[in-house]
Full PDB file with SEQRES, HELIX, SHEET, SSBOND, CRYST1, ORIGX, SCALE, CONECT and MASTER records, all heavy atoms in Angstrom:
SEQRES   1 A   29  ASP PHE ILE PRO LYS ILE LYS ILE GLU ILE VAL ILE GLY          
SEQRES   2 A   29  SER GLU MET ALA GLU LYS VAL ILE THR ALA ILE ARG ASP          
SEQRES   3 A   29  ALA ALA ASN                                                  
HELIX    1 AA1 SER A   14  MET A   16  5                                   3    
HELIX    2 AA2 ALA A   17  ALA A   28  1                                  12    
CRYST1    1.000    1.000    1.000  90.00  90.00  90.00 P 1           1          
ORIGX1      1.000000  0.000000  0.000000        0.00000                         
ORIGX2      0.000000  1.000000  0.000000        0.00000                         
ORIGX3      0.000000  0.000000  1.000000        0.00000                         
SCALE1      1.000000  0.000000  0.000000        0.00000                         
SCALE2      0.000000  1.000000  0.000000        0.00000                         
SCALE3      0.000000  0.000000  1.000000        0.00000                         
ATOM      1  N   ASP A   1     165.497 117.606  81.169  1.00  0.00           N  
ATOM      2  CA  ASP A   1     165.657 118.555  80.059  1.00  0.00           C  
ATOM      3  C   ASP A   1     164.325 119.044  79.506  1.00  0.00           C  
ATOM      4  O   ASP A   1     164.196 120.180  79.093  1.00  0.00           O  
ATOM      5  CB  ASP A   1     166.444 117.916  78.915  1.00  0.00           C  
ATOM      6  CG  ASP A   1     167.897 117.702  79.268  1.00  0.00           C  
ATOM      7  OD1 ASP A   1     168.427 118.469  80.090  1.00  0.00           O  
ATOM      8  OD2 ASP A   1     168.498 116.762  78.729  1.00  0.00           O  
ATOM      9  N   PHE A   2     163.337 118.161  79.462  1.00  0.00           N  
ATOM     10  CA  PHE A   2     162.060 118.511  78.869  1.00  0.00           C  
ATOM     11  C   PHE A   2     160.982 118.516  79.950  1.00  0.00           C  
ATOM     12  O   PHE A   2     160.752 117.522  80.617  1.00  0.00           O  
ATOM     13  CB  PHE A   2     161.695 117.534  77.748  1.00  0.00           C  
ATOM     14  CG  PHE A   2     162.670 117.599  76.607  1.00  0.00           C  
ATOM     15  CD1 PHE A   2     163.648 116.628  76.460  1.00  0.00           C  
ATOM     16  CD2 PHE A   2     162.621 118.636  75.695  1.00  0.00           C  
ATOM     17  CE1 PHE A   2     164.557 116.691  75.416  1.00  0.00           C  
ATOM     18  CE2 PHE A   2     163.522 118.716  74.655  1.00  0.00           C  
ATOM     19  CZ  PHE A   2     164.493 117.739  74.516  1.00  0.00           C  
ATOM     20  N   ILE A   3     160.334 119.659  80.080  1.00  0.00           N  
ATOM     21  CA  ILE A   3     159.322 119.875  81.111  1.00  0.00           C  
ATOM     22  C   ILE A   3     157.945 119.500  80.539  1.00  0.00           C  
ATOM     23  O   ILE A   3     157.613 119.902  79.420  1.00  0.00           O  
ATOM     24  CB  ILE A   3     159.303 121.368  81.535  1.00  0.00           C  
ATOM     25  CG1 ILE A   3     160.702 121.869  81.860  1.00  0.00           C  
ATOM     26  CG2 ILE A   3     158.324 121.596  82.669  1.00  0.00           C  
ATOM     27  CD1 ILE A   3     161.371 121.169  82.997  1.00  0.00           C  
ATOM     28  N   PRO A   4     157.111 118.754  81.296  1.00  0.00           N  
ATOM     29  CA  PRO A   4     155.759 118.453  80.818  1.00  0.00           C  
ATOM     30  C   PRO A   4     154.917 119.728  80.687  1.00  0.00           C  
ATOM     31  O   PRO A   4     154.918 120.577  81.579  1.00  0.00           O  
ATOM     32  CB  PRO A   4     155.172 117.552  81.910  1.00  0.00           C  
ATOM     33  CG  PRO A   4     156.324 117.108  82.732  1.00  0.00           C  
ATOM     34  CD  PRO A   4     157.389 118.136  82.578  1.00  0.00           C  
ATOM     35  N   LYS A   5     154.237 119.862  79.582  1.00  0.00           N  
ATOM     36  CA  LYS A   5     153.368 121.008  79.309  1.00  0.00           C  
ATOM     37  C   LYS A   5     152.084 120.506  78.657  1.00  0.00           C  
ATOM     38  O   LYS A   5     151.984 119.354  78.252  1.00  0.00           O  
ATOM     39  CB  LYS A   5     154.046 122.005  78.364  1.00  0.00           C  
ATOM     40  CG  LYS A   5     155.353 122.595  78.859  1.00  0.00           C  
ATOM     41  CD  LYS A   5     155.116 123.624  79.911  1.00  0.00           C  
ATOM     42  CE  LYS A   5     156.446 124.256  80.312  1.00  0.00           C  
ATOM     43  NZ  LYS A   5     156.265 125.321  81.255  1.00  0.00           N  
ATOM     44  N   ILE A   6     151.120 121.391  78.513  1.00  0.00           N  
ATOM     45  CA  ILE A   6     149.877 121.117  77.795  1.00  0.00           C  
ATOM     46  C   ILE A   6     149.802 122.068  76.605  1.00  0.00           C  
ATOM     47  O   ILE A   6     150.054 123.259  76.746  1.00  0.00           O  
ATOM     48  CB  ILE A   6     148.641 121.346  78.699  1.00  0.00           C  
ATOM     49  CG1 ILE A   6     148.627 120.370  79.866  1.00  0.00           C  
ATOM     50  CG2 ILE A   6     147.347 121.259  77.890  1.00  0.00           C  
ATOM     51  CD1 ILE A   6     148.378 118.933  79.501  1.00  0.00           C  
ATOM     52  N   LYS A   7     149.466 121.510  75.447  1.00  0.00           N  
ATOM     53  CA  LYS A   7     149.274 122.341  74.249  1.00  0.00           C  
ATOM     54  C   LYS A   7     147.781 122.375  73.941  1.00  0.00           C  
ATOM     55  O   LYS A   7     147.141 121.333  73.807  1.00  0.00           O  
ATOM     56  CB  LYS A   7     150.049 121.759  73.077  1.00  0.00           C  
ATOM     57  CG  LYS A   7     149.893 122.542  71.791  1.00  0.00           C  
ATOM     58  CD  LYS A   7     150.878 122.000  70.781  1.00  0.00           C  
ATOM     59  CE  LYS A   7     150.360 122.016  69.394  1.00  0.00           C  
ATOM     60  NZ  LYS A   7     151.323 121.479  68.433  1.00  0.00           N  
ATOM     61  N   ILE A   8     147.244 123.580  73.865  1.00  0.00           N  
ATOM     62  CA  ILE A   8     145.835 123.792  73.542  1.00  0.00           C  
ATOM     63  C   ILE A   8     145.769 124.366  72.134  1.00  0.00           C  
ATOM     64  O   ILE A   8     146.477 125.326  71.819  1.00  0.00           O  
ATOM     65  CB  ILE A   8     145.186 124.783  74.529  1.00  0.00           C  
ATOM     66  CG1 ILE A   8     145.306 124.267  75.950  1.00  0.00           C  
ATOM     67  CG2 ILE A   8     143.738 125.058  74.148  1.00  0.00           C  
ATOM     68  CD1 ILE A   8     144.896 125.277  77.005  1.00  0.00           C  
ATOM     69  N   GLU A   9     144.921 123.780  71.295  1.00  0.00           N  
ATOM     70  CA  GLU A   9     144.720 124.283  69.940  1.00  0.00           C  
ATOM     71  C   GLU A   9     143.252 124.643  69.767  1.00  0.00           C  
ATOM     72  O   GLU A   9     142.372 123.842  70.081  1.00  0.00           O  
ATOM     73  CB  GLU A   9     145.117 123.227  68.915  1.00  0.00           C  
ATOM     74  CG  GLU A   9     146.597 122.860  68.979  1.00  0.00           C  
ATOM     75  CD  GLU A   9     146.948 121.725  68.051  1.00  0.00           C  
ATOM     76  OE1 GLU A   9     147.196 122.002  66.860  1.00  0.00           O  
ATOM     77  OE2 GLU A   9     146.948 120.573  68.517  1.00  0.00           O  
ATOM     78  N   ILE A  10     143.015 125.855  69.272  1.00  0.00           N  
ATOM     79  CA  ILE A  10     141.654 126.359  69.086  1.00  0.00           C  
ATOM     80  C   ILE A  10     141.588 127.069  67.739  1.00  0.00           C  
ATOM     81  O   ILE A  10     142.461 127.870  67.421  1.00  0.00           O  
ATOM     82  CB  ILE A  10     141.289 127.378  70.188  1.00  0.00           C  
ATOM     83  CG1 ILE A  10     141.472 126.766  71.570  1.00  0.00           C  
ATOM     84  CG2 ILE A  10     139.873 127.898  70.008  1.00  0.00           C  
ATOM     85  CD1 ILE A  10     141.471 127.793  72.682  1.00  0.00           C  
ATOM     86  N   VAL A  11     140.551 126.782  66.964  1.00  0.00           N  
ATOM     87  CA  VAL A  11     140.295 127.536  65.736  1.00  0.00           C  
ATOM     88  C   VAL A  11     138.999 128.306  65.963  1.00  0.00           C  
ATOM     89  O   VAL A  11     137.975 127.737  66.321  1.00  0.00           O  
ATOM     90  CB  VAL A  11     140.187 126.609  64.512  1.00  0.00           C  
ATOM     91  CG1 VAL A  11     139.823 127.427  63.268  1.00  0.00           C  
ATOM     92  CG2 VAL A  11     141.494 125.866  64.286  1.00  0.00           C  
ATOM     93  N   ILE A  12     139.082 129.628  65.766  1.00  0.00           N  
ATOM     94  CA  ILE A  12     137.936 130.503  66.026  1.00  0.00           C  
ATOM     95  C   ILE A  12     137.844 131.570  64.938  1.00  0.00           C  
ATOM     96  O   ILE A  12     138.787 131.774  64.183  1.00  0.00           O  
ATOM     97  CB  ILE A  12     138.059 131.186  67.421  1.00  0.00           C  
ATOM     98  CG1 ILE A  12     139.490 131.674  67.698  1.00  0.00           C  
ATOM     99  CG2 ILE A  12     137.671 130.254  68.528  1.00  0.00           C  
ATOM    100  CD1 ILE A  12     139.650 133.092  67.545  1.00  0.00           C  
ATOM    101  N   GLY A  13     136.714 132.264  64.912  1.00  0.00           N  
ATOM    102  CA  GLY A  13     136.569 133.402  64.010  1.00  0.00           C  
ATOM    103  C   GLY A  13     137.533 134.509  64.427  1.00  0.00           C  
ATOM    104  O   GLY A  13     137.818 134.677  65.616  1.00  0.00           O  
ATOM    105  N   SER A  14     138.021 135.260  63.487  1.00  0.00           N  
ATOM    106  CA  SER A  14     139.008 136.316  63.761  1.00  0.00           C  
ATOM    107  C   SER A  14     138.530 137.323  64.797  1.00  0.00           C  
ATOM    108  O   SER A  14     139.331 137.850  65.571  1.00  0.00           O  
ATOM    109  CB  SER A  14     139.362 137.054  62.466  1.00  0.00           C  
ATOM    110  OG  SER A  14     139.966 136.168  61.557  1.00  0.00           O  
ATOM    111  N   GLU A  15     137.218 137.576  64.834  1.00  0.00           N  
ATOM    112  CA  GLU A  15     136.687 138.570  65.768  1.00  0.00           C  
ATOM    113  C   GLU A  15     136.823 138.127  67.226  1.00  0.00           C  
ATOM    114  O   GLU A  15     136.794 138.957  68.135  1.00  0.00           O  
ATOM    115  CB  GLU A  15     135.217 138.883  65.446  1.00  0.00           C  
ATOM    116  CG  GLU A  15     134.229 137.758  65.722  1.00  0.00           C  
ATOM    117  CD  GLU A  15     134.215 136.639  64.683  1.00  0.00           C  
ATOM    118  OE1 GLU A  15     134.847 136.793  63.616  1.00  0.00           O  
ATOM    119  OE2 GLU A  15     133.573 135.608  64.953  1.00  0.00           O  
ATOM    120  N   MET A  16     136.994 136.836  67.482  1.00  0.00           N  
ATOM    121  CA  MET A  16     137.130 136.315  68.844  1.00  0.00           C  
ATOM    122  C   MET A  16     138.578 136.201  69.309  1.00  0.00           C  
ATOM    123  O   MET A  16     138.837 135.933  70.481  1.00  0.00           O  
ATOM    124  CB  MET A  16     136.497 134.921  68.942  1.00  0.00           C  
ATOM    125  CG  MET A  16     135.003 134.881  68.965  1.00  0.00           C  
ATOM    126  SD  MET A  16     134.333 135.319  70.570  1.00  0.00           S  
ATOM    127  CE  MET A  16     134.912 133.988  71.593  1.00  0.00           C  
ATOM    128  N   ALA A  17     139.527 136.403  68.410  1.00  0.00           N  
ATOM    129  CA  ALA A  17     140.933 136.123  68.709  1.00  0.00           C  
ATOM    130  C   ALA A  17     141.443 136.855  69.952  1.00  0.00           C  
ATOM    131  O   ALA A  17     142.042 136.246  70.842  1.00  0.00           O  
ATOM    132  CB  ALA A  17     141.808 136.442  67.505  1.00  0.00           C  
ATOM    133  N   GLU A  18     141.215 138.151  70.042  1.00  0.00           N  
ATOM    134  CA  GLU A  18     141.736 138.917  71.183  1.00  0.00           C  
ATOM    135  C   GLU A  18     141.131 138.465  72.507  1.00  0.00           C  
ATOM    136  O   GLU A  18     141.816 138.392  73.519  1.00  0.00           O  
ATOM    137  CB  GLU A  18     141.527 140.418  70.978  1.00  0.00           C  
ATOM    138  CG  GLU A  18     142.478 141.037  69.971  1.00  0.00           C  
ATOM    139  CD  GLU A  18     143.957 140.785  70.279  1.00  0.00           C  
ATOM    140  OE1 GLU A  18     144.368 140.911  71.457  1.00  0.00           O  
ATOM    141  OE2 GLU A  18     144.702 140.432  69.344  1.00  0.00           O  
ATOM    142  N   LYS A  19     139.832 138.157  72.501  1.00  0.00           N  
ATOM    143  CA  LYS A  19     139.176 137.664  73.716  1.00  0.00           C  
ATOM    144  C   LYS A  19     139.781 136.350  74.180  1.00  0.00           C  
ATOM    145  O   LYS A  19     140.008 136.132  75.367  1.00  0.00           O  
ATOM    146  CB  LYS A  19     137.678 137.443  73.463  1.00  0.00           C  
ATOM    147  CG  LYS A  19     136.817 138.643  73.597  1.00  0.00           C  
ATOM    148  CD  LYS A  19     135.383 138.205  73.301  1.00  0.00           C  
ATOM    149  CE  LYS A  19     134.413 139.002  74.103  1.00  0.00           C  
ATOM    150  NZ  LYS A  19     133.029 138.640  73.788  1.00  0.00           N  
ATOM    151  N   VAL A  20     140.034 135.451  73.222  1.00  0.00           N  
ATOM    152  CA  VAL A  20     140.605 134.142  73.532  1.00  0.00           C  
ATOM    153  C   VAL A  20     142.027 134.302  74.063  1.00  0.00           C  
ATOM    154  O   VAL A  20     142.402 133.698  75.075  1.00  0.00           O  
ATOM    155  CB  VAL A  20     140.562 133.210  72.303  1.00  0.00           C  
ATOM    156  CG1 VAL A  20     141.367 131.941  72.537  1.00  0.00           C  
ATOM    157  CG2 VAL A  20     139.123 132.868  71.944  1.00  0.00           C  
ATOM    158  N   ILE A  21     142.819 135.128  73.419  1.00  0.00           N  
ATOM    159  CA  ILE A  21     144.199 135.363  73.858  1.00  0.00           C  
ATOM    160  C   ILE A  21     144.221 135.916  75.275  1.00  0.00           C  
ATOM    161  O   ILE A  21     144.976 135.446  76.131  1.00  0.00           O  
ATOM    162  CB  ILE A  21     144.921 136.328  72.880  1.00  0.00           C  
ATOM    163  CG1 ILE A  21     145.124 135.642  71.528  1.00  0.00           C  
ATOM    164  CG2 ILE A  21     146.241 136.812  73.465  1.00  0.00           C  
ATOM    165  CD1 ILE A  21     145.469 136.586  70.407  1.00  0.00           C  
ATOM    166  N   THR A  22     143.379 136.888  75.546  1.00  0.00           N  
ATOM    167  CA  THR A  22     143.319 137.490  76.882  1.00  0.00           C  
ATOM    168  C   THR A  22     142.881 136.466  77.926  1.00  0.00           C  
ATOM    169  O   THR A  22     143.450 136.390  79.012  1.00  0.00           O  
ATOM    170  CB  THR A  22     142.367 138.701  76.883  1.00  0.00           C  
ATOM    171  OG1 THR A  22     142.850 139.656  75.926  1.00  0.00           O  
ATOM    172  CG2 THR A  22     142.292 139.348  78.247  1.00  0.00           C  
ATOM    173  N   ALA A  23     141.876 135.655  77.595  1.00  0.00           N  
ATOM    174  CA  ALA A  23     141.381 134.647  78.532  1.00  0.00           C  
ATOM    175  C   ALA A  23     142.473 133.638  78.865  1.00  0.00           C  
ATOM    176  O   ALA A  23     142.681 133.284  80.038  1.00  0.00           O  
ATOM    177  CB  ALA A  23     140.159 133.939  77.959  1.00  0.00           C  
ATOM    178  N   ILE A  24     143.195 133.164  77.857  1.00  0.00           N  
ATOM    179  CA  ILE A  24     144.272 132.198  78.090  1.00  0.00           C  
ATOM    180  C   ILE A  24     145.384 132.834  78.907  1.00  0.00           C  
ATOM    181  O   ILE A  24     145.866 132.261  79.893  1.00  0.00           O  
ATOM    182  CB  ILE A  24     144.823 131.644  76.761  1.00  0.00           C  
ATOM    183  CG1 ILE A  24     143.761 130.810  76.040  1.00  0.00           C  
ATOM    184  CG2 ILE A  24     146.088 130.808  77.010  1.00  0.00           C  
ATOM    185  CD1 ILE A  24     144.123 130.424  74.623  1.00  0.00           C  
ATOM    186  N   ARG A  25     145.805 134.026  78.491  1.00  0.00           N  
ATOM    187  CA  ARG A  25     146.900 134.708  79.186  1.00  0.00           C  
ATOM    188  C   ARG A  25     146.576 134.927  80.657  1.00  0.00           C  
ATOM    189  O   ARG A  25     147.391 134.628  81.533  1.00  0.00           O  
ATOM    190  CB  ARG A  25     147.212 136.040  78.506  1.00  0.00           C  
ATOM    191  CG  ARG A  25     148.462 136.722  79.068  1.00  0.00           C  
ATOM    192  CD  ARG A  25     148.665 138.103  78.508  1.00  0.00           C  
ATOM    193  NE  ARG A  25     147.542 138.930  78.909  1.00  0.00           N  
ATOM    194  CZ  ARG A  25     146.898 139.778  78.100  1.00  0.00           C  
ATOM    195  NH1 ARG A  25     147.267 139.906  76.858  1.00  0.00           N  
ATOM    196  NH2 ARG A  25     145.897 140.495  78.545  1.00  0.00           N  
ATOM    197  N   ASP A  26     145.388 135.409  80.947  1.00  0.00           N  
ATOM    198  CA  ASP A  26     145.012 135.683  82.332  1.00  0.00           C  
ATOM    199  C   ASP A  26     144.870 134.405  83.161  1.00  0.00           C  
ATOM    200  O   ASP A  26     145.295 134.345  84.309  1.00  0.00           O  
ATOM    201  CB  ASP A  26     143.718 136.490  82.385  1.00  0.00           C  
ATOM    202  CG  ASP A  26     143.879 137.895  81.834  1.00  0.00           C  
ATOM    203  OD1 ASP A  26     145.029 138.344  81.618  1.00  0.00           O  
ATOM    204  OD2 ASP A  26     142.852 138.559  81.601  1.00  0.00           O  
ATOM    205  N   ALA A  27     144.275 133.363  82.574  1.00  0.00           N  
ATOM    206  CA  ALA A  27     144.030 132.124  83.318  1.00  0.00           C  
ATOM    207  C   ALA A  27     145.300 131.298  83.525  1.00  0.00           C  
ATOM    208  O   ALA A  27     145.430 130.604  84.531  1.00  0.00           O  
ATOM    209  CB  ALA A  27     142.981 131.289  82.607  1.00  0.00           C  
ATOM    210  N   ALA A  28     146.240 131.370  82.588  1.00  0.00           N  
ATOM    211  CA  ALA A  28     147.451 130.544  82.674  1.00  0.00           C  
ATOM    212  C   ALA A  28     148.590 131.223  83.433  1.00  0.00           C  
ATOM    213  O   ALA A  28     149.582 130.583  83.768  1.00  0.00           O  
ATOM    214  CB  ALA A  28     147.928 130.167  81.271  1.00  0.00           C  
ATOM    215  N   ASN A  29     148.446 132.489  83.735  1.00  0.00           N  
ATOM    216  CA  ASN A  29     149.530 133.255  84.345  1.00  0.00           C  
ATOM    217  C   ASN A  29     149.741 132.898  85.817  1.00  0.00           C  
ATOM    218  O   ASN A  29     148.815 132.943  86.615  1.00  0.00           O  
ATOM    219  CB  ASN A  29     149.230 134.753  84.223  1.00  0.00           C  
ATOM    220  CG  ASN A  29     150.354 135.624  84.730  1.00  0.00           C  
ATOM    221  OD1 ASN A  29     151.460 135.163  84.955  1.00  0.00           O  
ATOM    222  ND2 ASN A  29     150.057 136.890  84.907  1.00  0.00           N  
TER     223      ASN A  29                                                      
MASTER        0    0    0    2    0    0    0    6  222    1    0    3          
END                                                                             
């Protein structure tokens, strides 16, 4: 029922948010 996953938590300045989201999305896809 429950699949093993990894949770990543990052706190960054707001100006870096889009770069971080894109990097995660592209690398995890």
